[in-house]
Amino acid sequence: MPLHQGPREPGAPERPLAVNPFFGEADPLNGMTEAPPRHRLGDGPIPPSTAYQLVHDELMLDGNARLNLATFVTTWMEPQAGVLMAECSDKNMIDKDEYPHTAELEQRCVSMLAELWHAPDPVSTVGCSTTGSSEACMLAGMALKRRWAKRNADRYPGSARPNLVMGVNVQVCWEKFCNFWEVEARQVPMEGDRFHLSADAAAELCDENTIGVVGIMGSTFDGSYEPIAEICAALDALKERTGLDIPVHVDAASGGMVAPFLDEDVVWDFRLPRVASINTSGHKYGLVYPGVGWALWREPEALPEELVFRVNYLGGDMPTFALNFSRPGAQVVAQYYTFLRLGREGYRSVQQAARNVARGLAERIEALGDFAMLTRGEELPVFAFTTLPEVTAYDVFDVSRRLRERGWLVPAYTFPAHREDLSVLRVVCRNGFSSDLAELLLGDLSSLMPQLRAQPGPLTHDKDRATGFHH
């Protein structure tokens, strides 16, 4: 979450804003003539309808979430799910004694995911809900580090410094984990047309201080799957040669709710004995509003018991493994509703529709003649593309900026080491981004092409600030 530092002009007097007499609840004797202050508490209460209208009007300046093709987060749910979420927004998930059936629905979701990801024994699989994949990754990383520390108690703490191996394409939460928990991040850079972690590179960076390897099922940079089975095989070979037994965590924030339905023959989950834990985002292709994530461990031994806290001051014995304490049960209930509502075939249908839109749109953008596709929506319903070398009048940042004028948020960004020379646009196709909307996006892009081609050169010079988008 971003840090905020208060008003942009500290110490400057706040100019009061006039309020129309018909605004909110009109009262001829006590009606408001000025809006309340925005950077300090007002002197007294105001009518609820007026407070609503003031906040509502400011939020109109936000972008349209349905047209945000940068985000993986769900932007549409059925009205019935919204009603359930409203009914559960006052339930604190941690208070399992007071809300036992919300806790039951959470456990059912864990069991469903365990079965979906081929856990050896879904009934005994350990798992929990989180506020999203970032928290789930933190929890999985903590478990990896604690298991490593217990195995190396004679050296840690001391001279041994733990490290975690991953591709440079990982989501920023993994860099946060390594920073916050003092773990060395060993990142494999991109090379040529390889935009994610390779098996050989992963094994080469492992040593006796490696707590684990992170594999990504669905890179946020281009939507591609990392070769989890190959990575596990390389680590199996490493164990045979050296005795090093390195576990794998699969960050399946998006792919964990796509691959089981569309790519059943891709082996990436608990079918691989080396996979110790998996996370996913219920609020991405799990089709739930933000924020809910899930973390699962293949067996109880994979999650050290000392990381689980038990409290009883809310009533009952409540084991909890989380970075926060209080959060609403609404998203967990919405996840169960979606699992119940769709089932396997429903999820398969929704994800296939998203993939079809991504493939079709990628093909038609390529046909415009100015763009080269990096990916085509063949794995995640996501594709990335860049301008062809002969296109010199504009760049991807110009395209992003001009599409934003039409209401579309299509991010443009540069790739990390060693491909900082590559700048791309990326389109995320989610449930709710229909073929009709894809047609409108293509029409707007096509209409902009003559203007872009007529430019004397790229107009955006500050690439870091071009779209306000950062990985």
Protein backbone atom coordinates (compact mmCIF):
# COMPACT_ATOMS: atom_id res chain seq x y z
CA MET A 1 0.00 0.00 0.00
CA PRO A 2 1.36 3.45 -0.82
CA LEU A 3 2.48 5.76 1.94
CA HIS A 4 0.70 9.10 2.19
CA GLN A 5 2.06 12.29 3.66
CA GLY A 6 -1.02 14.45 4.09
CA PRO A 7 -1.94 17.55 2.09
CA ARG A 8 0.24 18.36 -0.90
CA GLU A 9 0.80 21.89 0.41
CA PRO A 10 1.51 21.59 4.16
CA GLY A 11 0.46 24.63 6.15
CA ALA A 12 -1.54 26.16 3.34
CA PRO A 13 -5.01 27.36 4.41
CA GLU A 14 -7.78 25.17 3.08
CA ARG A 15 -10.20 27.01 0.85
CA PRO A 16 -13.79 26.10 1.79
CA LEU A 17 -15.93 24.71 -0.99
CA ALA A 18 -19.48 25.94 -1.48
CA VAL A 19 -22.32 23.41 -1.35
CA ASN A 20 -25.43 23.82 -3.47
CA PRO A 21 -28.51 24.25 -1.21
CA PHE A 22 -30.17 21.33 -3.00
CA PHE A 23 -27.13 19.12 -2.38
CA GLY A 24 -27.88 16.27 0.02
CA GLU A 25 -30.57 16.82 2.64
CA ALA A 26 -31.82 20.39 2.23
CA ASP A 27 -32.78 22.16 5.44
CA PRO A 28 -33.91 25.79 4.99
CA LEU A 29 -32.87 26.63 8.56
CA ASN A 30 -29.74 24.53 9.08
CA GLY A 31 -28.65 23.70 5.55
CA MET A 32 -24.93 23.40 4.73
CA THR A 33 -23.38 26.25 2.78
CA GLU A 34 -19.82 24.93 2.85
CA ALA A 35 -18.39 21.45 2.44
CA PRO A 36 -16.51 20.01 5.44
CA PRO A 37 -12.68 20.23 5.49
CA ARG A 38 -10.82 17.52 3.59
CA HIS A 39 -7.58 17.22 5.60
CA ARG A 40 -8.83 17.53 9.17
CA LEU A 41 -11.91 16.39 11.04
CA GLY A 42 -14.88 18.71 10.77
CA ASP A 43 -16.38 20.39 13.79
CA GLY A 44 -19.54 18.28 13.75
CA PRO A 45 -21.54 15.65 11.87
CA ILE A 46 -23.21 16.13 8.50
CA PRO A 47 -26.23 14.27 7.02
CA PRO A 48 -25.37 10.80 5.70
CA SER A 49 -26.70 11.52 2.23
CA THR A 50 -24.50 14.60 1.97
CA ALA A 51 -21.41 12.71 3.13
CA TYR A 52 -22.19 10.00 0.58
CA GLN A 53 -22.60 12.48 -2.25
CA LEU A 54 -19.36 14.31 -1.47
CA VAL A 55 -17.34 11.06 -1.48
CA HIS A 56 -19.23 9.68 -4.48
CA ASP A 57 -18.51 12.80 -6.54
CA GLU A 58 -14.77 12.68 -5.87
CA LEU A 59 -14.60 9.00 -6.79
CA MET A 60 -16.02 9.82 -10.23
CA LEU A 61 -12.49 11.00 -11.06
CA ASP A 62 -11.16 7.44 -10.76
CA GLY A 63 -10.74 5.36 -13.88
CA ASN A 64 -13.35 2.81 -14.91
CA ALA A 65 -12.27 -0.49 -13.35
CA ARG A 66 -13.82 -2.53 -16.18
CA LEU A 67 -11.57 -0.72 -18.69
CA ASN A 68 -8.42 -1.27 -16.59
CA LEU A 69 -6.48 -3.81 -18.64
CA ALA A 70 -3.43 -3.46 -16.37
CA THR A 71 -4.96 -5.21 -13.37
CA PHE A 72 -5.37 -8.94 -12.85
CA VAL A 73 -7.92 -8.21 -10.12
CA THR A 74 -11.58 -9.14 -10.60
CA THR A 75 -13.74 -6.17 -11.57
CA TRP A 76 -17.11 -7.88 -12.02
CA MET A 77 -19.18 -10.31 -9.93
CA GLU A 78 -22.79 -11.36 -9.97
CA PRO A 79 -25.20 -9.23 -7.91
CA GLN A 80 -25.93 -12.17 -5.59
CA ALA A 81 -22.24 -12.30 -4.63
CA GLY A 82 -22.34 -8.59 -3.84
CA VAL A 83 -25.33 -9.13 -1.55
CA LEU A 84 -23.55 -11.93 0.32
CA MET A 85 -20.46 -9.78 0.73
CA ALA A 86 -22.51 -6.93 2.15
CA GLU A 87 -24.14 -9.35 4.60
CA CYS A 88 -20.72 -10.54 5.80
CA SER A 89 -18.73 -7.30 5.81
CA ASP A 90 -19.17 -6.94 9.59
CA LYS A 91 -17.90 -10.43 10.40
CA ASN A 92 -14.31 -10.59 11.61
CA MET A 93 -12.72 -13.68 10.08
CA ILE A 94 -10.43 -14.22 13.04
CA ASP A 95 -13.33 -14.69 15.46
CA LYS A 96 -14.04 -18.29 14.58
CA ASP A 97 -15.91 -18.96 17.81
CA GLU A 98 -18.46 -16.23 17.06
CA TYR A 99 -18.65 -16.97 13.31
CA PRO A 100 -18.09 -20.72 13.11
CA HIS A 101 -19.78 -21.21 9.79
CA THR A 102 -17.73 -18.55 8.06
CA ALA A 103 -14.72 -20.51 9.33
CA GLU A 104 -16.31 -23.69 7.96
CA LEU A 105 -16.67 -22.12 4.52
CA GLU A 106 -13.00 -21.11 4.64
CA GLN A 107 -12.01 -24.71 5.42
CA ARG A 108 -14.18 -25.99 2.57
CA CYS A 109 -12.41 -23.64 0.17
CA VAL A 110 -9.02 -24.94 1.36
CA SER A 111 -10.20 -28.53 0.78
CA MET A 112 -11.49 -27.67 -2.69
CA LEU A 113 -8.17 -26.09 -3.65
CA ALA A 114 -6.23 -29.02 -2.19
CA GLU A 115 -8.21 -31.42 -4.36
CA LEU A 116 -7.91 -29.13 -7.40
CA TRP A 117 -4.12 -28.98 -6.98
CA HIS A 118 -3.75 -32.75 -6.45
CA ALA A 119 -2.63 -32.69 -2.82
CA PRO A 120 -1.64 -36.20 -1.62
CA ASP A 121 -4.33 -36.07 1.09
CA PRO A 122 -6.75 -33.15 0.58
CA VAL A 123 -8.36 -33.80 3.97
CA SER A 124 -5.13 -33.22 5.90
CA THR A 125 -3.73 -30.46 3.67
CA VAL A 126 -2.90 -27.35 5.69
CA GLY A 127 -4.08 -24.04 4.30
CA CYS A 128 -5.56 -20.64 5.07
CA SER A 129 -7.13 -17.62 3.47
CA THR A 130 -5.19 -14.36 3.27
CA THR A 131 -5.81 -10.80 2.14
CA GLY A 132 -4.25 -11.68 -1.22
CA SER A 133 -1.32 -13.44 -2.82
CA SER A 134 1.18 -10.99 -1.38
CA GLU A 135 0.36 -12.07 2.16
CA ALA A 136 0.19 -15.70 1.06
CA CYS A 137 3.69 -15.43 -0.42
CA MET A 138 4.99 -13.87 2.79
CA LEU A 139 3.57 -16.77 4.80
CA ALA A 140 5.01 -19.36 2.42
CA GLY A 141 8.40 -17.64 2.54
CA MET A 142 8.33 -17.58 6.34
CA ALA A 143 7.65 -21.32 6.40
CA LEU A 144 10.53 -21.98 3.99
CA LYS A 145 12.92 -19.90 6.07
CA ARG A 146 11.90 -21.48 9.38
CA ARG A 147 12.28 -25.00 7.99
CA TRP A 148 15.74 -24.12 6.67
CA ALA A 149 16.73 -22.51 10.01
CA LYS A 150 15.69 -25.64 11.93
CA ARG A 151 17.77 -27.81 9.61
CA ASN A 152 20.75 -25.46 10.04
CA ALA A 153 20.41 -24.64 13.73
CA ASP A 154 24.15 -25.13 14.22
CA ARG A 155 24.97 -22.37 11.71
CA TYR A 156 22.01 -19.97 11.93
CA PRO A 157 21.95 -17.37 13.24
CA GLY A 158 25.62 -16.83 12.63
CA SER A 159 27.67 -17.01 9.49
CA ALA A 160 24.92 -18.55 7.38
CA ARG A 161 22.72 -16.14 5.46
CA PRO A 162 19.58 -17.66 3.90
CA ASN A 163 18.80 -17.04 0.24
CA LEU A 164 15.80 -17.52 -2.01
CA VAL A 165 16.14 -18.30 -5.74
CA MET A 166 13.67 -16.81 -8.22
CA GLY A 167 13.42 -15.18 -11.62
CA VAL A 168 13.75 -11.42 -11.95
CA ASN A 169 10.16 -11.44 -13.21
CA VAL A 170 8.65 -12.22 -9.79
CA GLN A 171 5.99 -9.97 -8.33
CA VAL A 172 7.36 -7.30 -5.99
CA CYS A 173 5.98 -9.12 -2.92
CA TRP A 174 8.92 -11.54 -3.13
CA GLU A 175 11.41 -8.69 -3.04
CA LYS A 176 9.50 -7.34 -0.05
CA PHE A 177 9.72 -10.71 1.68
CA CYS A 178 13.47 -10.92 1.19
CA ASN A 179 13.90 -7.35 2.43
CA PHE A 180 11.62 -7.63 5.46
CA TRP A 181 12.83 -11.08 6.58
CA GLU A 182 16.52 -10.56 5.76
CA VAL A 183 16.84 -13.18 3.05
CA GLU A 184 19.18 -12.76 0.09
CA ALA A 185 17.18 -12.55 -3.14
CA ARG A 186 19.00 -14.50 -5.85
CA GLN A 187 17.27 -13.44 -9.05
CA VAL A 188 17.90 -15.01 -12.44
CA PRO A 189 17.94 -12.25 -15.09
CA MET A 190 16.14 -12.42 -18.42
CA GLU A 191 18.21 -13.41 -21.44
CA GLY A 192 17.23 -12.94 -25.07
CA ASP A 193 13.76 -14.32 -25.60
CA ARG A 194 13.69 -16.07 -22.20
CA PHE A 195 11.58 -13.85 -19.98
CA HIS A 196 11.36 -16.03 -16.87
CA LEU A 197 13.20 -18.54 -14.70
CA SER A 198 14.83 -21.55 -16.33
CA ALA A 199 15.46 -24.88 -14.62
CA ASP A 200 19.24 -24.91 -15.09
CA ALA A 201 19.64 -21.32 -13.91
CA ALA A 202 17.58 -22.04 -10.79
CA ALA A 203 19.62 -25.09 -9.81
CA GLU A 204 22.90 -23.29 -10.48
CA LEU A 205 22.13 -20.58 -7.89
CA CYS A 206 21.20 -23.01 -5.10
CA ASP A 207 23.55 -23.83 -2.23
CA GLU A 208 23.35 -25.02 1.38
CA ASN A 209 21.79 -21.71 2.41
CA THR A 210 18.95 -21.78 -0.12
CA ILE A 211 15.59 -21.91 1.66
CA GLY A 212 13.69 -22.63 -1.55
CA VAL A 213 13.04 -21.84 -5.20
CA VAL A 214 10.03 -19.79 -6.29
CA GLY A 215 8.36 -20.77 -9.55
CA ILE A 216 5.68 -18.59 -11.15
CA MET A 217 2.56 -20.01 -12.77
CA GLY A 218 1.75 -16.95 -14.82
CA SER A 219 4.32 -14.18 -15.04
CA THR A 220 2.86 -10.70 -14.66
CA PHE A 221 5.26 -9.43 -17.34
CA ASP A 222 3.88 -11.48 -20.22
CA GLY A 223 1.42 -14.09 -18.90
CA SER A 224 3.69 -17.09 -19.50
CA TYR A 225 4.01 -20.14 -17.23
CA GLU A 226 7.39 -20.99 -15.77
CA PRO A 227 8.51 -24.63 -16.29
CA ILE A 228 7.75 -25.89 -12.76
CA ALA A 229 8.20 -29.58 -13.61
CA GLU A 230 11.58 -28.88 -15.23
CA ILE A 231 12.68 -26.81 -12.25
CA CYS A 232 11.74 -29.66 -9.89
CA ALA A 233 13.57 -32.18 -12.08
CA ALA A 234 16.71 -30.01 -12.03
CA LEU A 235 16.49 -29.80 -8.23
CA ASP A 236 16.03 -33.58 -8.04
CA ALA A 237 19.23 -33.97 -10.03
CA LEU A 238 20.95 -31.44 -7.76
CA LYS A 239 20.00 -33.52 -4.72
CA GLU A 240 21.43 -36.64 -6.32
CA ARG A 241 24.72 -34.86 -7.02
CA THR A 242 25.15 -32.84 -3.84
CA GLY A 243 22.58 -33.97 -1.27
CA LEU A 244 20.97 -30.51 -1.23
CA ASP A 245 17.22 -30.92 -0.81
CA ILE A 246 15.64 -27.63 -1.98
CA PRO A 247 11.85 -27.23 -1.74
CA VAL A 248 9.80 -25.34 -4.32
CA HIS A 249 7.05 -22.84 -3.71
CA VAL A 250 4.72 -22.17 -6.63
CA ASP A 251 3.39 -18.64 -6.84
CA ALA A 252 0.22 -19.44 -8.76
CA ALA A 253 -1.42 -16.08 -8.10
CA SER A 254 -3.13 -16.24 -11.49
CA GLY A 255 -2.29 -19.58 -13.07
CA GLY A 256 -3.50 -21.57 -10.07
CA MET A 257 -7.07 -20.82 -11.14
CA VAL A 258 -6.44 -21.14 -14.90
CA ALA A 259 -4.17 -24.14 -15.49
CA PRO A 260 -6.32 -26.72 -13.60
CA PHE A 261 -9.22 -25.99 -15.96
CA LEU A 262 -7.56 -25.25 -19.30
CA ASP A 263 -4.17 -26.99 -19.09
CA GLU A 264 -4.84 -30.18 -17.14
CA ASP A 265 -1.86 -31.96 -18.72
CA VAL A 266 0.59 -29.34 -17.45
CA VAL A 267 2.11 -30.77 -14.26
CA TRP A 268 3.00 -27.94 -11.88
CA ASP A 269 1.23 -28.58 -8.56
CA PHE A 270 1.36 -31.08 -5.67
CA ARG A 271 1.74 -33.91 -8.17
CA LEU A 272 5.40 -32.90 -8.02
CA PRO A 273 6.78 -34.13 -4.66
CA ARG A 274 9.23 -31.23 -4.50
CA VAL A 275 6.41 -28.65 -4.44
CA ALA A 276 6.02 -27.83 -0.74
CA SER A 277 3.47 -25.00 -0.98
CA ILE A 278 1.27 -23.09 -3.42
CA ASN A 279 -0.52 -19.77 -3.29
CA THR A 280 -3.20 -18.20 -5.46
CA SER A 281 -5.25 -15.04 -5.57
CA GLY A 282 -8.94 -15.63 -5.14
CA HIS A 283 -9.42 -12.06 -6.32
CA LYS A 284 -7.69 -12.65 -9.67
CA TYR A 285 -8.77 -15.59 -11.80
CA GLY A 286 -10.48 -16.97 -8.70
CA LEU A 287 -13.17 -14.46 -9.77
CA VAL A 288 -13.73 -12.68 -6.42
CA TYR A 289 -13.53 -8.96 -5.68
CA PRO A 290 -10.32 -7.93 -3.83
CA GLY A 291 -8.92 -8.99 -1.44
CA VAL A 292 -8.64 -12.69 -0.82
CA GLY A 293 -5.77 -15.08 -1.37
CA TRP A 294 -4.98 -18.65 -0.41
CA ALA A 295 -1.86 -20.46 0.82
CA LEU A 296 -1.65 -24.26 0.99
CA TRP A 297 1.08 -26.63 2.21
CA ARG A 298 1.21 -30.19 0.88
CA GLU A 299 1.41 -31.66 4.39
CA PRO A 300 1.40 -30.43 8.01
CA GLU A 301 5.18 -30.91 8.30
CA ALA A 302 5.72 -28.27 5.59
CA LEU A 303 4.35 -25.56 7.91
CA PRO A 304 6.35 -25.40 11.17
CA GLU A 305 3.99 -25.55 14.13
CA GLU A 306 5.73 -22.70 15.96
CA LEU A 307 4.55 -20.26 13.28
CA VAL A 308 0.91 -20.95 14.14
CA PHE A 309 -0.52 -18.86 16.97
CA ARG A 310 -3.44 -19.84 19.17
CA VAL A 311 -5.52 -17.24 20.98
CA ASN A 312 -8.58 -17.64 23.16
CA TYR A 313 -9.55 -14.15 24.28
CA LEU A 314 -12.26 -13.97 21.58
CA GLY A 315 -13.60 -17.31 22.79
CA GLY A 316 -12.49 -20.82 21.83
CA ASP A 317 -9.14 -22.10 20.59
CA MET A 318 -8.30 -20.36 17.33
CA PRO A 319 -5.11 -21.36 15.48
CA THR A 320 -4.10 -18.57 13.12
CA PHE A 321 -1.27 -18.03 10.66
CA ALA A 322 -1.48 -14.54 9.21
CA LEU A 323 0.32 -11.20 9.05
CA ASN A 324 -2.80 -9.32 10.11
CA PHE A 325 -5.49 -10.14 12.64
CA SER A 326 -8.83 -8.56 11.79
CA ARG A 327 -10.40 -8.72 8.34
CA PRO A 328 -13.93 -9.22 7.04
CA GLY A 329 -15.30 -12.60 6.09
CA ALA A 330 -16.97 -11.17 2.99
CA GLN A 331 -14.34 -12.20 0.45
CA VAL A 332 -14.03 -15.75 1.81
CA VAL A 333 -17.80 -16.15 1.62
CA ALA A 334 -17.73 -14.77 -1.93
CA GLN A 335 -15.02 -17.31 -2.83
CA TYR A 336 -17.13 -20.17 -1.54
CA TYR A 337 -20.14 -18.78 -3.42
CA THR A 338 -18.12 -18.72 -6.64
CA PHE A 339 -16.79 -22.26 -6.15
CA LEU A 340 -20.32 -23.46 -5.43
CA ARG A 341 -21.84 -21.46 -8.27
CA LEU A 342 -19.45 -22.44 -11.06
CA GLY A 343 -17.95 -25.82 -10.28
CA ARG A 344 -15.28 -27.22 -12.59
CA GLU A 345 -17.21 -26.79 -15.80
CA GLY A 346 -18.24 -23.25 -14.93
CA TYR A 347 -14.66 -22.22 -14.22
CA ARG A 348 -13.50 -23.95 -17.40
CA SER A 349 -16.07 -22.05 -19.43
CA VAL A 350 -15.22 -18.66 -17.91
CA GLN A 351 -11.45 -19.09 -18.27
CA GLN A 352 -11.75 -20.46 -21.80
CA ALA A 353 -13.84 -17.44 -22.79
CA ALA A 354 -11.15 -15.13 -21.40
CA ARG A 355 -8.42 -17.03 -23.26
CA ASN A 356 -10.43 -16.90 -26.50
CA VAL A 357 -10.78 -13.12 -26.18
CA ALA A 358 -7.03 -12.77 -25.49
CA ARG A 359 -6.02 -14.93 -28.45
CA GLY A 360 -8.41 -13.22 -30.83
CA LEU A 361 -7.44 -9.71 -29.76
CA ALA A 362 -3.71 -10.50 -29.94
CA GLU A 363 -4.11 -11.84 -33.46
CA ARG A 364 -5.99 -8.74 -34.63
CA ILE A 365 -3.54 -6.31 -33.02
CA GLU A 366 -0.69 -8.11 -34.76
CA ALA A 367 -2.59 -7.77 -38.06
CA LEU A 368 -2.43 -3.96 -37.73
CA GLY A 369 1.16 -4.33 -38.94
CA ASP A 370 3.05 -2.18 -36.43
CA PHE A 371 3.42 -4.61 -33.53
CA ALA A 372 5.35 -7.75 -32.60
CA MET A 373 3.77 -10.14 -30.11
CA LEU A 374 5.79 -11.54 -27.21
CA THR A 375 2.94 -13.73 -26.02
CA ARG A 376 -0.52 -14.41 -27.43
CA GLY A 377 -2.70 -15.40 -24.49
CA GLU A 378 -1.87 -19.09 -24.90
CA GLU A 379 -1.28 -19.62 -21.17
CA LEU A 380 -2.73 -16.91 -18.95
CA PRO A 381 -5.39 -14.93 -20.86
CA VAL A 382 -2.76 -12.20 -21.09
CA PHE A 383 -0.56 -11.01 -23.93
CA ALA A 384 2.33 -8.58 -24.30
CA PHE A 385 3.49 -6.83 -27.44
CA THR A 386 5.90 -4.15 -28.60
CA THR A 387 6.45 -2.01 -31.67
CA LEU A 388 8.36 -3.42 -34.62
CA PRO A 389 11.94 -2.13 -35.11
CA GLU A 390 10.93 -0.19 -38.21
CA VAL A 391 8.30 1.80 -36.26
CA THR A 392 10.11 5.02 -35.31
CA ALA A 393 7.32 7.61 -35.17
CA TYR A 394 5.98 6.44 -31.80
CA ASP A 395 6.62 3.95 -29.02
CA VAL A 396 4.57 1.85 -26.62
CA PHE A 397 4.36 4.72 -24.13
CA ASP A 398 2.69 6.89 -26.75
CA VAL A 399 0.17 4.12 -27.42
CA SER A 400 -0.60 3.75 -23.71
CA ARG A 401 -1.00 7.49 -23.27
CA ARG A 402 -3.34 7.87 -26.25
CA LEU A 403 -5.49 4.88 -25.22
CA ARG A 404 -5.84 6.40 -21.76
CA GLU A 405 -7.48 9.41 -23.43
CA ARG A 406 -10.21 7.00 -24.57
CA GLY A 407 -10.63 5.55 -21.06
CA TRP A 408 -8.49 2.41 -21.57
CA LEU A 409 -5.73 1.65 -19.06
CA VAL A 410 -3.18 -0.41 -21.01
CA PRO A 411 0.17 -0.36 -19.21
CA ALA A 412 3.48 0.26 -20.95
CA TYR A 413 6.69 -0.64 -19.13
CA THR A 414 10.26 -1.75 -19.58
CA PHE A 415 11.49 -5.24 -18.77
CA PRO A 416 14.05 -5.86 -15.98
CA ALA A 417 17.69 -6.98 -16.21
CA HIS A 418 19.06 -7.94 -18.69
CA ARG A 419 16.30 -6.77 -21.05
CA GLU A 420 15.89 -3.14 -20.02
CA ASP A 421 16.01 -2.37 -23.74
CA LEU A 422 12.58 -3.97 -24.23
CA SER A 423 9.45 -1.87 -23.67
CA VAL A 424 6.03 -3.50 -24.05
CA LEU A 425 2.30 -3.07 -23.71
CA ARG A 426 0.31 -5.72 -21.86
CA VAL A 427 -3.38 -6.58 -21.98
CA VAL A 428 -5.00 -8.64 -19.21
CA CYS A 429 -8.26 -10.30 -20.29
CA ARG A 430 -10.50 -11.05 -17.32
CA ASN A 431 -14.03 -12.24 -16.78
CA GLY A 432 -16.16 -9.26 -17.81
CA PHE A 433 -13.79 -8.14 -20.57
CA SER A 434 -16.03 -9.44 -23.33
CA SER A 435 -15.46 -9.81 -27.05
CA ASP A 436 -17.59 -6.67 -27.48
CA LEU A 437 -15.24 -4.66 -25.27
CA ALA A 438 -12.26 -6.16 -27.08
CA GLU A 439 -13.80 -4.98 -30.34
CA LEU A 440 -14.15 -1.46 -28.93
CA LEU A 441 -10.51 -1.47 -27.76
CA LEU A 442 -9.34 -2.60 -31.18
CA GLY A 443 -11.45 0.08 -32.84
CA ASP A 444 -9.98 2.81 -30.65
CA LEU A 445 -6.43 1.55 -31.25
CA SER A 446 -7.02 1.37 -35.01
CA SER A 447 -8.39 4.91 -35.10
CA LEU A 448 -5.29 6.21 -33.32
CA MET A 449 -2.81 4.58 -35.69
CA PRO A 450 -2.81 7.29 -38.41
CA GLN A 451 -2.11 9.99 -35.80
CA LEU A 452 0.64 7.93 -34.17
CA ARG A 453 2.27 7.17 -37.52
CA ALA A 454 2.24 10.88 -38.40
CA GLN A 455 4.25 11.88 -35.34
CA PRO A 456 7.82 13.12 -35.91
CA GLY A 457 9.01 10.75 -33.21
CA PRO A 458 8.07 9.33 -29.79
CA LEU A 459 6.58 12.06 -27.62
CA THR A 460 7.06 10.48 -24.20
CA HIS A 461 10.57 10.99 -22.88
CA ASP A 462 10.23 10.13 -19.17
CA LYS A 463 9.60 6.40 -19.52
CA ASP A 464 9.48 5.77 -15.76
CA ARG A 465 6.48 8.08 -15.38
CA ALA A 466 4.85 7.49 -18.73
CA THR A 467 1.86 5.48 -17.58
CA GLY A 468 2.10 5.47 -13.82
CA PHE A 469 2.47 1.68 -13.98
CA HIS A 470 5.21 -0.21 -12.15
CA HIS A 471 5.81 -3.90 -11.49
